[in-house]
Amino acid sequence: LTLLYLLAAVLGVVVCRSLKLPPMLGYLAAGVLIGPHALALAQNSEGVRHLGEFGVVFLMFAIGLEFSLPKLRAMRRQVFGLGLAQVVLSMLVVTGVALALAHLVGGVWEMGWQSALALSGVLAMSSTAIVVKLMAERLELESEHGRRVMGVLLFQDLAVVPLLVLIPALDSTGKDMAVSLGWAALKAGVLLTLLLVGGQRVMRWWLTLVARRKSEELF
């Protein structure tokens, strides 16, 4: 299964490069063609899902190496200004359009405000992994528009967490929703505190210990 997907990815990139298209399109096209809804060359859908999750983790780790807290602070205007505006405006527009369409074709398409809000949250998001990969290939990450795009993407990544908590809670009553959101905010705050305050000290100590062993394999 792994060899099949690697071969398909390589062939997809070769085709896209010959057509002067981004390699990411080759990866996506290869996945669609050999996936369960097209040629169905890989029948083990569970194994494919786990393989895909590992790929996303490794890709996001590689992207995360390019960022640091000082860089995020320097981009706070793009992240919490432009990024916040993009997510909020996108959700408002999509929610309004969805509710308007549901009202116009009520008998054909019924949608409450909860479903419209969930749909708007999905459509407001972008794939940081794909966009950053494309911009890095074009050497545009450090450009002015590249920093703006990164600010939007970083805020979207931050907004995913409350959305993942909010969407399941939309099916509950107001009190239960408030309790769920409160617990999620508390756990997120504790986790971020541990990562940003204690995590840096622990990792700095551990990496220093590894470096002193002078072993490439251990590193």
Protein backbone atom coordinates (compact mmCIF):
# COMPACT_ATOMS: atom_id res chain seq x y z
CA LEU A 1 0.00 0.00 0.00
CA THR A 2 2.79 2.42 0.91
CA LEU A 3 4.75 1.63 -2.27
CA LEU A 4 1.60 2.11 -4.36
CA TYR A 5 0.96 5.56 -2.95
CA LEU A 6 4.60 6.62 -3.20
CA LEU A 7 4.71 5.51 -6.85
CA ALA A 8 1.47 7.37 -7.61
CA ALA A 9 2.80 10.51 -5.90
CA VAL A 10 6.05 10.42 -7.87
CA LEU A 11 4.23 9.93 -11.19
CA GLY A 12 1.79 12.72 -10.32
CA VAL A 13 4.62 15.14 -9.58
CA VAL A 14 6.44 14.22 -12.81
CA VAL A 15 3.30 14.89 -14.86
CA CYS A 16 2.62 18.20 -13.11
CA ARG A 17 6.22 19.34 -13.46
CA SER A 18 6.15 18.58 -17.18
CA LEU A 19 2.98 20.69 -17.47
CA LYS A 20 4.53 23.44 -15.28
CA LEU A 21 1.90 22.95 -12.57
CA PRO A 22 2.46 22.88 -8.76
CA PRO A 23 3.46 19.41 -7.45
CA MET A 24 0.69 19.64 -4.83
CA LEU A 25 -1.84 19.19 -7.66
CA GLY A 26 -0.05 15.96 -8.56
CA TYR A 27 -0.42 14.64 -5.02
CA LEU A 28 -4.12 15.51 -4.94
CA ALA A 29 -4.80 14.05 -8.38
CA ALA A 30 -2.95 10.82 -7.51
CA GLY A 31 -4.96 10.43 -4.32
CA VAL A 32 -8.25 10.96 -6.15
CA LEU A 33 -7.43 8.58 -9.01
CA ILE A 34 -6.26 5.60 -6.98
CA GLY A 35 -8.66 6.26 -4.09
CA PRO A 36 -11.83 4.28 -3.29
CA HIS A 37 -14.11 6.51 -5.40
CA ALA A 38 -12.18 6.25 -8.70
CA LEU A 39 -9.88 3.37 -9.71
CA ALA A 40 -10.03 1.88 -6.19
CA LEU A 41 -6.53 0.42 -6.44
CA ALA A 42 -6.15 0.58 -2.65
CA GLN A 43 -8.95 -1.36 -0.96
CA ASN A 44 -7.60 -0.96 2.58
CA SER A 45 -9.30 2.35 3.35
CA GLU A 46 -8.46 2.14 7.07
CA GLY A 47 -4.76 1.76 6.32
CA VAL A 48 -4.93 4.63 3.84
CA ARG A 49 -6.54 6.87 6.47
CA HIS A 50 -3.79 6.16 9.02
CA LEU A 51 -1.12 6.67 6.36
CA GLY A 52 -2.67 10.01 5.44
CA GLU A 53 -2.78 11.12 9.08
CA PHE A 54 0.92 10.37 9.49
CA GLY A 55 1.65 12.33 6.33
CA VAL A 56 -0.25 15.37 7.59
CA VAL A 57 1.52 15.20 10.97
CA PHE A 58 4.98 15.10 9.36
CA LEU A 59 4.10 17.88 6.91
CA MET A 60 2.75 20.14 9.67
CA PHE A 61 5.86 19.40 11.77
CA ALA A 62 8.09 20.50 8.88
CA ILE A 63 6.01 23.67 8.46
CA GLY A 64 6.13 24.35 12.19
CA LEU A 65 9.94 24.41 12.09
CA GLU A 66 9.68 27.65 10.11
CA PHE A 67 7.80 29.53 12.84
CA SER A 68 8.61 30.86 16.29
CA LEU A 69 6.87 32.86 18.99
CA PRO A 70 8.80 36.08 18.18
CA LYS A 71 7.74 35.73 14.54
CA LEU A 72 4.12 35.25 15.60
CA ARG A 73 4.30 38.34 17.82
CA ALA A 74 5.72 40.33 14.92
CA MET A 75 2.81 39.17 12.75
CA ARG A 76 0.10 39.81 15.33
CA ARG A 77 -1.48 42.55 13.20
CA GLN A 78 -1.88 40.19 10.26
CA VAL A 79 -2.95 37.25 12.46
CA PHE A 80 -5.46 38.95 14.76
CA GLY A 81 -6.43 41.73 12.34
CA LEU A 82 -6.61 40.37 8.83
CA GLY A 83 -7.06 36.75 9.93
CA LEU A 84 -9.88 37.55 12.36
CA ALA A 85 -11.64 39.69 9.74
CA GLN A 86 -11.41 36.93 7.11
CA VAL A 87 -12.85 34.21 9.37
CA VAL A 88 -15.64 36.34 10.87
CA LEU A 89 -16.72 37.89 7.56
CA SER A 90 -16.61 34.54 5.75
CA MET A 91 -18.74 32.89 8.43
CA LEU A 92 -21.25 35.74 8.44
CA VAL A 93 -21.60 35.76 4.66
CA VAL A 94 -21.91 31.97 4.32
CA THR A 95 -24.38 31.73 7.21
CA GLY A 96 -26.51 34.49 5.71
CA VAL A 97 -26.47 32.96 2.22
CA ALA A 98 -27.28 29.48 3.56
CA LEU A 99 -30.22 30.73 5.63
CA ALA A 100 -31.49 32.82 2.70
CA LEU A 101 -31.37 29.84 0.34
CA ALA A 102 -33.09 27.65 2.93
CA HIS A 103 -35.84 30.25 3.24
CA LEU A 104 -36.30 30.56 -0.53
CA VAL A 105 -36.44 26.79 -1.19
CA GLY A 106 -37.82 25.74 2.17
CA GLY A 107 -39.55 22.59 0.98
CA VAL A 108 -36.49 21.33 -0.88
CA TRP A 109 -33.69 22.32 1.47
CA GLU A 110 -34.25 22.75 5.17
CA MET A 111 -31.42 24.21 7.24
CA GLY A 112 -31.39 25.67 10.73
CA TRP A 113 -28.99 28.29 11.99
CA GLN A 114 -26.89 25.57 13.66
CA SER A 115 -26.26 23.78 10.36
CA ALA A 116 -25.62 27.09 8.58
CA LEU A 117 -23.09 28.11 11.24
CA ALA A 118 -21.30 24.74 11.02
CA LEU A 119 -21.16 25.01 7.23
CA SER A 120 -19.79 28.54 7.42
CA GLY A 121 -17.05 27.42 9.81
CA VAL A 122 -15.95 24.73 7.37
CA LEU A 123 -15.94 27.04 4.34
CA ALA A 124 -14.01 29.76 6.20
CA MET A 125 -11.01 27.46 6.64
CA SER A 126 -8.11 26.82 4.27
CA SER A 127 -5.38 24.17 4.22
CA THR A 128 -2.26 25.67 5.78
CA ALA A 129 -0.18 22.71 4.63
CA ILE A 130 -1.15 23.09 0.97
CA VAL A 131 -0.96 26.89 0.80
CA VAL A 132 2.40 27.12 2.60
CA LYS A 133 3.83 24.37 0.41
CA LEU A 134 2.77 26.22 -2.75
CA MET A 135 4.08 29.57 -1.52
CA ALA A 136 7.39 28.07 -0.42
CA GLU A 137 7.91 26.59 -3.89
CA ARG A 138 7.33 30.04 -5.39
CA LEU A 139 9.60 31.74 -2.80
CA GLU A 140 6.77 34.03 -1.66
CA LEU A 141 6.68 33.32 2.09
CA GLU A 142 8.74 36.41 2.95
CA SER A 143 6.95 38.75 0.54
CA GLU A 144 4.37 41.28 1.73
CA HIS A 145 1.40 39.33 0.41
CA GLY A 146 3.00 36.13 1.69
CA ARG A 147 3.06 37.49 5.25
CA ARG A 148 -0.57 38.54 4.95
CA VAL A 149 -1.59 35.13 3.70
CA MET A 150 0.36 33.49 6.54
CA GLY A 151 -1.38 35.73 9.06
CA VAL A 152 -4.77 34.58 7.77
CA LEU A 153 -3.71 30.93 7.77
CA LEU A 154 -2.32 31.10 11.31
CA PHE A 155 -5.54 32.60 12.65
CA GLN A 156 -7.52 29.91 10.85
CA ASP A 157 -5.40 27.28 12.60
CA LEU A 158 -6.15 28.95 15.92
CA ALA A 159 -9.86 29.16 15.07
CA VAL A 160 -10.08 25.44 14.31
CA VAL A 161 -9.90 24.52 18.00
CA PRO A 162 -12.93 26.53 19.20
CA LEU A 163 -14.84 25.49 16.06
CA LEU A 164 -14.19 21.81 16.78
CA VAL A 165 -15.65 22.36 20.25
CA LEU A 166 -18.50 24.60 19.10
CA ILE A 167 -19.88 22.48 16.26
CA PRO A 168 -20.70 19.35 18.36
CA ALA A 169 -22.11 21.62 21.07
CA LEU A 170 -24.59 23.21 18.64
CA ASP A 171 -26.84 20.19 19.09
CA SER A 172 -27.21 20.82 22.84
CA THR A 173 -29.07 23.39 24.90
CA GLY A 174 -27.66 26.77 25.84
CA LYS A 175 -26.51 25.70 29.32
CA ASP A 176 -24.80 22.53 28.11
CA MET A 177 -23.12 24.51 25.32
CA ALA A 178 -21.78 27.05 27.78
CA VAL A 179 -20.41 24.27 30.02
CA SER A 180 -18.73 22.52 27.07
CA LEU A 181 -17.16 25.75 25.84
CA GLY A 182 -16.02 26.66 29.35
CA TRP A 183 -14.30 23.30 29.90
CA ALA A 184 -12.68 23.48 26.47
CA ALA A 185 -11.34 26.99 27.16
CA LEU A 186 -9.94 25.84 30.53
CA LYS A 187 -8.21 22.79 29.05
CA ALA A 188 -6.82 24.82 26.16
CA GLY A 189 -5.46 27.43 28.56
CA VAL A 190 -3.76 24.82 30.75
CA LEU A 191 -2.28 23.05 27.72
CA LEU A 192 -0.92 26.26 26.17
CA THR A 193 0.57 27.31 29.51
CA LEU A 194 2.35 23.96 29.88
CA LEU A 195 3.64 24.08 26.30
CA LEU A 196 4.82 27.68 26.27
CA VAL A 197 6.17 27.93 29.82
CA GLY A 198 7.29 24.45 30.86
CA GLY A 199 7.62 22.84 27.46
CA GLN A 200 10.42 25.10 26.26
CA ARG A 201 12.49 24.46 29.37
CA VAL A 202 12.01 20.71 29.19
CA MET A 203 12.79 20.51 25.48
CA ARG A 204 15.83 22.78 25.82
CA TRP A 205 17.22 20.54 28.58
CA TRP A 206 16.46 17.38 26.62
CA LEU A 207 17.98 18.59 23.33
CA THR A 208 21.10 19.78 25.17
CA LEU A 209 21.42 16.31 26.69
CA VAL A 210 21.04 14.71 23.24
CA ALA A 211 23.58 17.08 21.67
CA ARG A 212 26.18 16.21 24.31
CA ARG A 213 25.99 12.54 23.27
CA LYS A 214 27.18 13.61 19.76
CA SER A 215 25.06 10.91 18.14
CA GLU A 216 23.30 11.65 14.86
CA GLU A 217 21.06 8.59 15.29
CA LEU A 218 19.89 9.72 18.73
CA PHE A 219 19.26 13.25 17.43
